[in-house]
Amino acid sequence: MNIFLLNIALAFIWAALTGLFNPSNMALGFVFGYLILIFIRRAIGPTAYFAKVRQVVSFVVFLIWALVQANLRVAKRVILPGQQMQPRVVAVPLDTNNEAEITLLANLVSLTPGTLSLDVSSDRRVLFVHAINAPDPEVVRQDIKRGFERRVIDLLRGIASNLDQEEDR
């Protein structure tokens, strides 16, 4: 049985036992289910599920931290008078041509205050990003490549390979 589905089933069991089917209680049930699965992982057998959950949690923490930093940078620009902004369109070469990875990357860039994904080249090798303040376009380019792009590729390829392994069983 797929470990993720088992984790969801444990979350529903938790919700049924507590009588609360709201999102926060379901999330708590998911965490409790995950902890239960960690304790019985020897009985479950080898699985990459636990590493993937840690990877997803790490990605979410990184995303929240990036959003906080970007919000603070934009707020500083707005609050402090006399700061010159240097808006610019930056071409970010992509290490992937997978549509799902590009779509998630473009949406994450647009979600981050101060940047907006404009377009992807027709060969899907370049993402064009508008940055509200980019005195050095290389810094923006490297922030996107080292931050979001690397993590998006690792996350989606890892999940895809895990699904392939589950289907082979």
N, C-alpha and C. Protein backbone atom coordinates (compact mmCIF):
# COMPACT_ATOMS: atom_id res chain seq x y z
N MET A 1 0.84 -1.18 0.00
CA MET A 1 0.00 0.00 0.00
C MET A 1 0.88 1.24 0.00
N ASN A 2 0.46 2.25 -0.69
CA ASN A 2 1.19 3.49 -0.75
C ASN A 2 1.24 4.12 0.65
N ILE A 3 2.44 4.47 1.10
CA ILE A 3 2.62 5.00 2.45
C ILE A 3 1.91 6.35 2.61
N PHE A 4 1.90 7.16 1.56
CA PHE A 4 1.23 8.45 1.62
C PHE A 4 -0.27 8.27 1.87
N LEU A 5 -0.88 7.31 1.16
CA LEU A 5 -2.31 7.05 1.38
C LEU A 5 -2.57 6.52 2.78
N LEU A 6 -1.66 5.71 3.29
CA LEU A 6 -1.77 5.22 4.66
C LEU A 6 -1.69 6.38 5.64
N ASN A 7 -0.80 7.34 5.38
CA ASN A 7 -0.68 8.52 6.22
C ASN A 7 -1.97 9.34 6.19
N ILE A 8 -2.57 9.48 5.02
CA ILE A 8 -3.85 10.20 4.91
C ILE A 8 -4.96 9.45 5.65
N ALA A 9 -4.96 8.13 5.53
CA ALA A 9 -5.96 7.33 6.24
C ALA A 9 -5.82 7.51 7.75
N LEU A 10 -4.59 7.56 8.24
CA LEU A 10 -4.38 7.79 9.67
C LEU A 10 -4.86 9.19 10.08
N ALA A 11 -4.71 10.17 9.19
CA ALA A 11 -5.21 11.52 9.48
C ALA A 11 -6.73 11.51 9.58
N PHE A 12 -7.39 10.76 8.70
CA PHE A 12 -8.86 10.65 8.76
C PHE A 12 -9.30 9.91 10.02
N ILE A 13 -8.57 8.90 10.41
CA ILE A 13 -8.89 8.17 11.64
C ILE A 13 -8.77 9.12 12.83
N TRP A 14 -7.72 9.93 12.85
CA TRP A 14 -7.54 10.91 13.91
C TRP A 14 -8.73 11.88 13.94
N ALA A 15 -9.10 12.38 12.78
CA ALA A 15 -10.23 13.32 12.70
C ALA A 15 -11.52 12.66 13.18
N ALA A 16 -11.72 11.41 12.82
CA ALA A 16 -12.93 10.69 13.25
C ALA A 16 -12.93 10.50 14.77
N LEU A 17 -11.77 10.18 15.33
CA LEU A 17 -11.68 9.98 16.78
C LEU A 17 -11.92 11.28 17.54
N THR A 18 -11.44 12.39 17.01
CA THR A 18 -11.62 13.67 17.69
C THR A 18 -12.94 14.33 17.33
N GLY A 19 -13.54 13.92 16.22
CA GLY A 19 -14.81 14.49 15.80
C GLY A 19 -14.69 15.83 15.11
N LEU A 20 -13.47 16.22 14.75
CA LEU A 20 -13.25 17.51 14.09
C LEU A 20 -12.61 17.28 12.72
N PHE A 21 -13.34 17.60 11.66
CA PHE A 21 -12.84 17.41 10.30
C PHE A 21 -12.45 18.76 9.67
N ASN A 22 -11.78 19.60 10.44
CA ASN A 22 -11.32 20.88 9.89
C ASN A 22 -9.86 20.74 9.42
N PRO A 23 -9.38 21.66 8.60
CA PRO A 23 -8.02 21.54 8.03
C PRO A 23 -6.91 21.45 9.08
N SER A 24 -7.01 22.23 10.14
CA SER A 24 -5.93 22.20 11.13
C SER A 24 -5.90 20.86 11.87
N ASN A 25 -7.05 20.29 12.17
CA ASN A 25 -7.08 18.99 12.84
C ASN A 25 -6.62 17.87 11.90
N MET A 26 -6.97 18.00 10.62
CA MET A 26 -6.49 17.01 9.64
C MET A 26 -4.96 17.08 9.52
N ALA A 27 -4.42 18.30 9.53
CA ALA A 27 -2.96 18.46 9.46
C ALA A 27 -2.30 17.85 10.69
N LEU A 28 -2.91 18.08 11.85
CA LEU A 28 -2.38 17.48 13.07
C LEU A 28 -2.45 15.96 13.00
N GLY A 29 -3.55 15.43 12.47
CA GLY A 29 -3.67 13.99 12.28
C GLY A 29 -2.63 13.45 11.31
N PHE A 30 -2.32 14.24 10.27
CA PHE A 30 -1.29 13.84 9.31
C PHE A 30 0.07 13.75 10.00
N VAL A 31 0.37 14.73 10.86
CA VAL A 31 1.65 14.73 11.60
C VAL A 31 1.70 13.53 12.54
N PHE A 32 0.62 13.29 13.28
CA PHE A 32 0.59 12.13 14.18
C PHE A 32 0.73 10.83 13.39
N GLY A 33 0.04 10.75 12.25
CA GLY A 33 0.15 9.56 11.40
C GLY A 33 1.58 9.36 10.92
N TYR A 34 2.23 10.45 10.55
CA TYR A 34 3.63 10.38 10.10
C TYR A 34 4.52 9.85 11.22
N LEU A 35 4.30 10.34 12.43
CA LEU A 35 5.10 9.87 13.57
C LEU A 35 4.86 8.39 13.83
N ILE A 36 3.61 7.96 13.72
CA ILE A 36 3.30 6.54 13.89
C ILE A 36 4.02 5.71 12.83
N LEU A 37 3.99 6.20 11.59
CA LEU A 37 4.66 5.47 10.50
C LEU A 37 6.16 5.40 10.71
N ILE A 38 6.74 6.45 11.28
CA ILE A 38 8.18 6.41 11.58
C ILE A 38 8.47 5.29 12.58
N PHE A 39 7.61 5.17 13.60
CA PHE A 39 7.84 4.13 14.62
C PHE A 39 7.69 2.72 14.07
N ILE A 40 6.85 2.54 13.04
CA ILE A 40 6.64 1.19 12.51
C ILE A 40 7.31 1.01 11.14
N ARG A 41 8.26 1.84 10.81
CA ARG A 41 8.84 1.78 9.46
C ARG A 41 9.54 0.46 9.16
N ARG A 42 10.05 -0.24 10.16
CA ARG A 42 10.67 -1.53 9.89
C ARG A 42 9.64 -2.53 9.36
N ALA A 43 8.42 -2.45 9.86
CA ALA A 43 7.36 -3.34 9.40
C ALA A 43 6.89 -2.97 8.00
N ILE A 44 7.01 -1.69 7.66
CA ILE A 44 6.57 -1.22 6.35
C ILE A 44 7.54 -1.66 5.26
N GLY A 45 8.81 -1.68 5.59
CA GLY A 45 9.82 -2.02 4.59
C GLY A 45 10.47 -0.77 4.03
N PRO A 46 11.40 -0.96 3.12
CA PRO A 46 12.13 0.20 2.57
C PRO A 46 11.22 1.11 1.75
N THR A 47 11.33 2.39 2.01
CA THR A 47 10.53 3.37 1.29
C THR A 47 11.25 4.72 1.32
N ALA A 48 11.05 5.49 0.28
CA ALA A 48 11.64 6.84 0.22
C ALA A 48 10.66 7.88 0.75
N TYR A 49 9.51 7.45 1.24
CA TYR A 49 8.47 8.37 1.69
C TYR A 49 8.97 9.34 2.76
N PHE A 50 9.69 8.84 3.74
CA PHE A 50 10.12 9.68 4.86
C PHE A 50 11.10 10.75 4.40
N ALA A 51 11.98 10.40 3.49
CA ALA A 51 12.92 11.39 2.93
C ALA A 51 12.17 12.43 2.10
N LYS A 52 11.16 11.99 1.36
CA LYS A 52 10.38 12.93 0.53
C LYS A 52 9.59 13.90 1.39
N VAL A 53 9.02 13.41 2.49
CA VAL A 53 8.28 14.30 3.38
C VAL A 53 9.22 15.35 3.96
N ARG A 54 10.41 14.91 4.38
CA ARG A 54 11.40 15.88 4.88
C ARG A 54 11.78 16.88 3.80
N GLN A 55 11.89 16.43 2.55
CA GLN A 55 12.23 17.31 1.45
C GLN A 55 11.11 18.33 1.19
N VAL A 56 9.87 17.89 1.24
CA VAL A 56 8.74 18.81 1.04
C VAL A 56 8.68 19.82 2.17
N VAL A 57 8.86 19.37 3.40
CA VAL A 57 8.85 20.29 4.55
C VAL A 57 9.98 21.29 4.42
N SER A 58 11.15 20.83 4.02
CA SER A 58 12.30 21.72 3.82
C SER A 58 11.99 22.76 2.73
N PHE A 59 11.34 22.32 1.66
CA PHE A 59 10.98 23.24 0.58
C PHE A 59 9.99 24.30 1.07
N VAL A 60 9.00 23.89 1.84
CA VAL A 60 8.01 24.83 2.36
C VAL A 60 8.67 25.84 3.31
N VAL A 61 9.56 25.37 4.17
CA VAL A 61 10.28 26.28 5.07
C VAL A 61 11.12 27.26 4.26
N PHE A 62 11.82 26.76 3.23
CA PHE A 62 12.60 27.66 2.37
C PHE A 62 11.71 28.70 1.70
N LEU A 63 10.56 28.27 1.20
CA LEU A 63 9.62 29.18 0.53
C LEU A 63 9.13 30.26 1.48
N ILE A 64 8.76 29.87 2.68
CA ILE A 64 8.29 30.85 3.66
C ILE A 64 9.40 31.85 3.99
N TRP A 65 10.61 31.35 4.18
CA TRP A 65 11.74 32.23 4.48
C TRP A 65 12.01 33.18 3.31
N ALA A 66 11.95 32.70 2.09
CA ALA A 66 12.17 33.54 0.91
C ALA A 66 11.07 34.61 0.81
N LEU A 67 9.84 34.25 1.11
CA LEU A 67 8.74 35.22 1.08
C LEU A 67 8.91 36.30 2.14
N VAL A 68 9.33 35.90 3.34
CA VAL A 68 9.56 36.88 4.41
C VAL A 68 10.66 37.85 4.00
N GLN A 69 11.79 37.31 3.50
CA GLN A 69 12.89 38.17 3.08
C GLN A 69 12.47 39.13 1.97
N ALA A 70 11.75 38.63 0.97
CA ALA A 70 11.33 39.47 -0.14
C ALA A 70 10.36 40.55 0.33
N ASN A 71 9.45 40.20 1.21
CA ASN A 71 8.52 41.19 1.75
C ASN A 71 9.25 42.28 2.51
N LEU A 72 10.26 41.90 3.28
CA LEU A 72 11.04 42.90 4.03
C LEU A 72 11.81 43.81 3.08
N ARG A 73 12.38 43.24 2.02
CA ARG A 73 13.11 44.07 1.04
C ARG A 73 12.19 45.08 0.36
N VAL A 74 11.02 44.62 -0.06
CA VAL A 74 10.07 45.52 -0.73
C VAL A 74 9.56 46.57 0.25
N ALA A 75 9.24 46.16 1.49
CA ALA A 75 8.77 47.11 2.50
C ALA A 75 9.83 48.18 2.77
N LYS A 76 11.08 47.78 2.84
CA LYS A 76 12.18 48.73 3.06
C LYS A 76 12.23 49.75 1.92
N ARG A 77 12.07 49.27 0.69
CA ARG A 77 12.09 50.17 -0.47
C ARG A 77 10.93 51.16 -0.44
N VAL A 78 9.79 50.70 0.05
CA VAL A 78 8.61 51.56 0.07
C VAL A 78 8.68 52.56 1.23
N ILE A 79 9.11 52.09 2.38
CA ILE A 79 9.10 52.92 3.59
C ILE A 79 10.21 53.97 3.58
N LEU A 80 11.41 53.59 3.18
CA LEU A 80 12.53 54.52 3.22
C LEU A 80 12.54 55.38 1.96
N PRO A 81 12.38 56.70 2.14
CA PRO A 81 12.36 57.58 0.97
C PRO A 81 13.76 57.75 0.37
N GLY A 82 13.78 58.11 -0.88
CA GLY A 82 15.04 58.44 -1.53
C GLY A 82 15.83 57.25 -2.05
N GLN A 83 15.30 56.07 -1.91
CA GLN A 83 16.02 54.90 -2.41
C GLN A 83 15.69 54.74 -3.89
N GLN A 84 16.71 54.73 -4.70
CA GLN A 84 16.52 54.57 -6.14
C GLN A 84 16.30 53.10 -6.48
N MET A 85 15.23 52.85 -7.17
CA MET A 85 14.98 51.49 -7.65
C MET A 85 15.55 51.36 -9.05
N GLN A 86 16.04 50.19 -9.33
CA GLN A 86 16.57 49.89 -10.65
C GLN A 86 15.84 48.68 -11.22
N PRO A 87 14.63 48.91 -11.74
CA PRO A 87 13.87 47.78 -12.31
C PRO A 87 14.57 47.26 -13.56
N ARG A 88 14.39 45.98 -13.79
CA ARG A 88 15.08 45.36 -14.91
C ARG A 88 14.41 44.03 -15.26
N VAL A 89 14.47 43.69 -16.53
CA VAL A 89 14.06 42.36 -16.96
C VAL A 89 15.32 41.52 -17.06
N VAL A 90 15.29 40.38 -16.38
CA VAL A 90 16.46 39.51 -16.30
C VAL A 90 16.13 38.19 -17.00
N ALA A 91 17.03 37.77 -17.87
CA ALA A 91 16.88 36.47 -18.54
C ALA A 91 17.57 35.41 -17.67
N VAL A 92 16.80 34.44 -17.22
CA VAL A 92 17.33 33.38 -16.37
C VAL A 92 17.39 32.09 -17.17
N PRO A 93 18.61 31.62 -17.51
CA PRO A 93 18.71 30.35 -18.25
C PRO A 93 18.24 29.19 -17.36
N LEU A 94 17.46 28.30 -17.93
CA LEU A 94 16.88 27.21 -17.16
C LEU A 94 17.68 25.92 -17.33
N ASP A 95 17.74 25.15 -16.26
CA ASP A 95 18.40 23.84 -16.30
C ASP A 95 17.40 22.73 -16.59
N THR A 96 16.17 23.09 -16.88
CA THR A 96 15.14 22.10 -17.16
C THR A 96 14.30 22.57 -18.34
N ASN A 97 13.67 21.64 -19.02
CA ASN A 97 12.67 22.00 -20.02
C ASN A 97 11.35 21.29 -19.73
N ASN A 98 11.24 20.74 -18.53
CA ASN A 98 10.03 20.07 -18.07
C ASN A 98 8.98 21.13 -17.76
N GLU A 99 7.80 20.97 -18.34
CA GLU A 99 6.75 21.99 -18.20
C GLU A 99 6.29 22.18 -16.76
N ALA A 100 6.15 21.10 -16.02
CA ALA A 100 5.69 21.21 -14.62
C ALA A 100 6.72 21.97 -13.79
N GLU A 101 7.99 21.66 -13.99
CA GLU A 101 9.04 22.35 -13.24
C GLU A 101 9.10 23.82 -13.60
N ILE A 102 8.99 24.14 -14.88
CA ILE A 102 9.02 25.54 -15.32
C ILE A 102 7.81 26.28 -14.79
N THR A 103 6.65 25.66 -14.84
CA THR A 103 5.42 26.30 -14.35
C THR A 103 5.51 26.60 -12.86
N LEU A 104 5.95 25.62 -12.08
CA LEU A 104 6.08 25.84 -10.64
C LEU A 104 7.12 26.92 -10.35
N LEU A 105 8.24 26.88 -11.04
CA LEU A 105 9.28 27.90 -10.85
C LEU A 105 8.75 29.29 -11.18
N ALA A 106 8.09 29.43 -12.33
CA ALA A 106 7.55 30.73 -12.74
C ALA A 106 6.52 31.24 -11.73
N ASN A 107 5.69 30.36 -11.22
CA ASN A 107 4.69 30.78 -10.23
C ASN A 107 5.33 31.17 -8.91
N LEU A 108 6.35 30.46 -8.48
CA LEU A 108 7.04 30.82 -7.24
C LEU A 108 7.75 32.16 -7.37
N VAL A 109 8.36 32.41 -8.53
CA VAL A 109 9.01 33.69 -8.77
C VAL A 109 7.98 34.82 -8.73
N SER A 110 6.83 34.60 -9.34
CA SER A 110 5.78 35.62 -9.34
C SER A 110 5.17 35.81 -7.96
N LEU A 111 5.12 34.76 -7.17
CA LEU A 111 4.58 34.84 -5.81
C LEU A 111 5.48 35.67 -4.90
N THR A 112 6.76 35.68 -5.19
CA THR A 112 7.72 36.40 -4.37
C THR A 112 7.63 37.90 -4.65
N PRO A 113 7.36 38.73 -3.64
CA PRO A 113 7.28 40.17 -3.87
C PRO A 113 8.57 40.73 -4.46
N GLY A 114 8.40 41.60 -5.44
CA GLY A 114 9.55 42.24 -6.08
C GLY A 114 9.97 41.60 -7.38
N THR A 115 9.41 40.43 -7.69
CA THR A 115 9.73 39.77 -8.96
C THR A 115 8.44 39.29 -9.62
N LEU A 116 8.50 39.20 -10.93
CA LEU A 116 7.34 38.74 -11.70
C LEU A 116 7.84 37.99 -12.93
N SER A 117 7.37 36.77 -13.11
CA SER A 117 7.71 36.01 -14.31
C SER A 117 6.94 36.59 -15.47
N LEU A 118 7.64 36.91 -16.55
CA LEU A 118 7.00 37.51 -17.71
C LEU A 118 6.72 36.51 -18.81
N ASP A 119 7.72 35.69 -19.13
CA ASP A 119 7.56 34.78 -20.27
C ASP A 119 8.64 33.71 -20.20
N VAL A 120 8.42 32.67 -20.95
CA VAL A 120 9.42 31.62 -21.15
C VAL A 120 9.72 31.58 -22.64
N SER A 121 10.98 31.44 -22.97
CA SER A 121 11.34 31.39 -24.39
C SER A 121 10.67 30.21 -25.07
N SER A 122 10.53 30.28 -26.39
CA SER A 122 9.83 29.23 -27.13
C SER A 122 10.52 27.86 -27.01
N ASP A 123 11.83 27.86 -26.81
CA ASP A 123 12.54 26.59 -26.64
C ASP A 123 12.60 26.14 -25.17
N ARG A 124 11.94 26.89 -24.29
CA ARG A 124 11.85 26.60 -22.85
C ARG A 124 13.22 26.54 -22.18
N ARG A 125 14.14 27.34 -22.64
CA ARG A 125 15.47 27.36 -22.04
C ARG A 125 15.74 28.63 -21.22
N VAL A 126 14.86 29.64 -21.34
CA VAL A 126 15.08 30.91 -20.64
C VAL A 126 13.76 31.40 -20.05
N LEU A 127 13.81 31.80 -18.79
CA LEU A 127 12.68 32.43 -18.11
C LEU A 127 12.99 33.91 -17.98
N PHE A 128 12.06 34.75 -18.43
CA PHE A 128 12.24 36.19 -18.34
C PHE A 128 11.51 36.69 -17.10
N VAL A 129 12.26 37.37 -16.23
CA VAL A 129 11.74 37.82 -14.95
C VAL A 129 11.92 39.32 -14.82
N HIS A 130 10.87 40.02 -14.39
CA HIS A 130 10.98 41.44 -14.07
C HIS A 130 11.27 41.55 -12.59
N ALA A 131 12.36 42.24 -12.26
CA ALA A 131 12.72 42.49 -10.86
C ALA A 131 12.54 43.98 -10.58
N ILE A 132 11.90 44.29 -9.48
CA ILE A 132 11.62 45.68 -9.15
C ILE A 132 12.90 46.45 -8.82
N ASN A 133 13.90 45.74 -8.31
CA ASN A 133 15.18 46.37 -8.00
C ASN A 133 16.30 45.37 -8.28
N ALA A 134 17.01 45.60 -9.38
CA ALA A 134 18.07 44.67 -9.77
C ALA A 134 19.29 45.44 -10.27
N PRO A 135 20.04 46.06 -9.34
CA PRO A 135 21.23 46.77 -9.79
C PRO A 135 22.23 45.82 -10.48
N ASP A 136 22.27 44.58 -10.01
CA ASP A 136 23.13 43.57 -10.62
C ASP A 136 22.25 42.40 -11.07
N PRO A 137 22.00 42.27 -12.37
CA PRO A 137 21.11 41.19 -12.83
C PRO A 137 21.65 39.80 -12.51
N GLU A 138 22.95 39.66 -12.40
CA GLU A 138 23.54 38.35 -12.10
C GLU A 138 23.14 37.87 -10.70
N VAL A 139 22.99 38.80 -9.76
CA VAL A 139 22.55 38.43 -8.41
C VAL A 139 21.13 37.88 -8.45
N VAL A 140 20.25 38.53 -9.19
CA VAL A 140 18.86 38.06 -9.33
C VAL A 140 18.86 36.68 -9.99
N ARG A 141 19.63 36.54 -11.04
CA ARG A 141 19.71 35.28 -11.79
C ARG A 141 20.17 34.15 -10.87
N GLN A 142 21.23 34.39 -10.11
CA GLN A 142 21.77 33.34 -9.24
C GLN A 142 20.84 33.05 -8.06
N ASP A 143 20.16 34.07 -7.55
CA ASP A 143 19.19 33.83 -6.48
C ASP A 143 18.10 32.88 -6.95
N ILE A 144 17.61 33.09 -8.15
CA ILE A 144 16.56 32.23 -8.69
C ILE A 144 17.09 30.83 -8.98
N LYS A 145 18.27 30.74 -9.58
CA LYS A 145 18.83 29.44 -9.95
C LYS A 145 19.22 28.62 -8.72
N ARG A 146 19.91 29.24 -7.78
CA ARG A 146 20.37 28.50 -6.59
C ARG A 146 19.25 28.27 -5.58
N GLY A 147 18.28 29.16 -5.58
CA GLY A 147 17.19 29.04 -4.62
C GLY A 147 16.05 28.21 -5.14
N PHE A 148 15.18 28.86 -5.91
CA PHE A 148 13.96 28.20 -6.35
C PHE A 148 14.20 27.10 -7.38
N GLU A 149 14.97 27.37 -8.43
CA GLU A 149 15.08 26.40 -9.51
C GLU A 149 15.68 25.08 -9.03
N ARG A 150 16.76 25.13 -8.29
CA ARG A 150 17.40 23.90 -7.82
C ARG A 150 16.45 23.10 -6.95
N ARG A 151 15.76 23.78 -6.05
CA ARG A 151 14.85 23.09 -5.14
C ARG A 151 13.62 22.53 -5.86
N VAL A 152 13.09 23.28 -6.83
CA VAL A 152 11.93 22.80 -7.59
C VAL A 152 12.30 21.55 -8.38
N ILE A 153 13.44 21.57 -9.04
CA ILE A 153 13.88 20.41 -9.82
C ILE A 153 14.08 19.21 -8.91
N ASP A 154 14.79 19.40 -7.79
CA ASP A 154 15.01 18.29 -6.85
C ASP A 154 13.70 17.73 -6.32
N LEU A 155 12.78 18.63 -5.97
CA LEU A 155 11.52 18.20 -5.39
C LEU A 155 10.67 17.43 -6.39
N LEU A 156 10.44 17.99 -7.57
CA LEU A 156 9.56 17.34 -8.53
C LEU A 156 10.17 16.08 -9.12
N ARG A 157 11.45 16.08 -9.38
CA ARG A 157 12.08 14.86 -9.90
C ARG A 157 12.13 13.77 -8.85
N GLY A 158 12.33 14.15 -7.61
CA GLY A 158 12.33 13.18 -6.53
C GLY A 158 10.97 12.55 -6.33
N ILE A 159 9.94 13.36 -6.40
CA ILE A 159 8.57 12.84 -6.25
C ILE A 159 8.22 11.94 -7.42
N ALA A 160 8.61 12.36 -8.64
CA ALA A 160 8.32 11.54 -9.82
C ALA A 160 9.04 10.19 -9.75
N SER A 161 10.30 10.19 -9.30
CA SER A 161 11.03 8.92 -9.22
C SER A 161 10.44 8.05 -8.12
N ASN A 162 9.96 8.66 -7.04
CA ASN A 162 9.34 7.89 -5.97
C ASN A 162 8.04 7.25 -6.46
N LEU A 163 7.25 7.98 -7.26
CA LEU A 163 6.02 7.42 -7.81
C LEU A 163 6.32 6.26 -8.75
N ASP A 164 7.38 6.42 -9.56
CA ASP A 164 7.78 5.32 -10.45
C ASP A 164 8.16 4.07 -9.67
N GLN A 165 8.88 4.25 -8.56
CA GLN A 165 9.29 3.11 -7.74
C GLN A 165 8.08 2.44 -7.11
N GLU A 166 7.10 3.25 -6.67
CA GLU A 166 5.90 2.68 -6.06
C GLU A 166 5.12 1.86 -7.10
N GLU A 167 5.07 2.33 -8.36
CA GLU A 167 4.34 1.60 -9.40
C GLU A 167 5.02 0.29 -9.74
N ASP A 168 6.36 0.24 -9.63
CA ASP A 168 7.10 -0.97 -9.97
C ASP A 168 6.86 -2.08 -8.93
N ARG A 169 6.45 -1.73 -7.72
CA ARG A 169 6.27 -2.73 -6.68
C ARG A 169 5.07 -3.54 -6.90
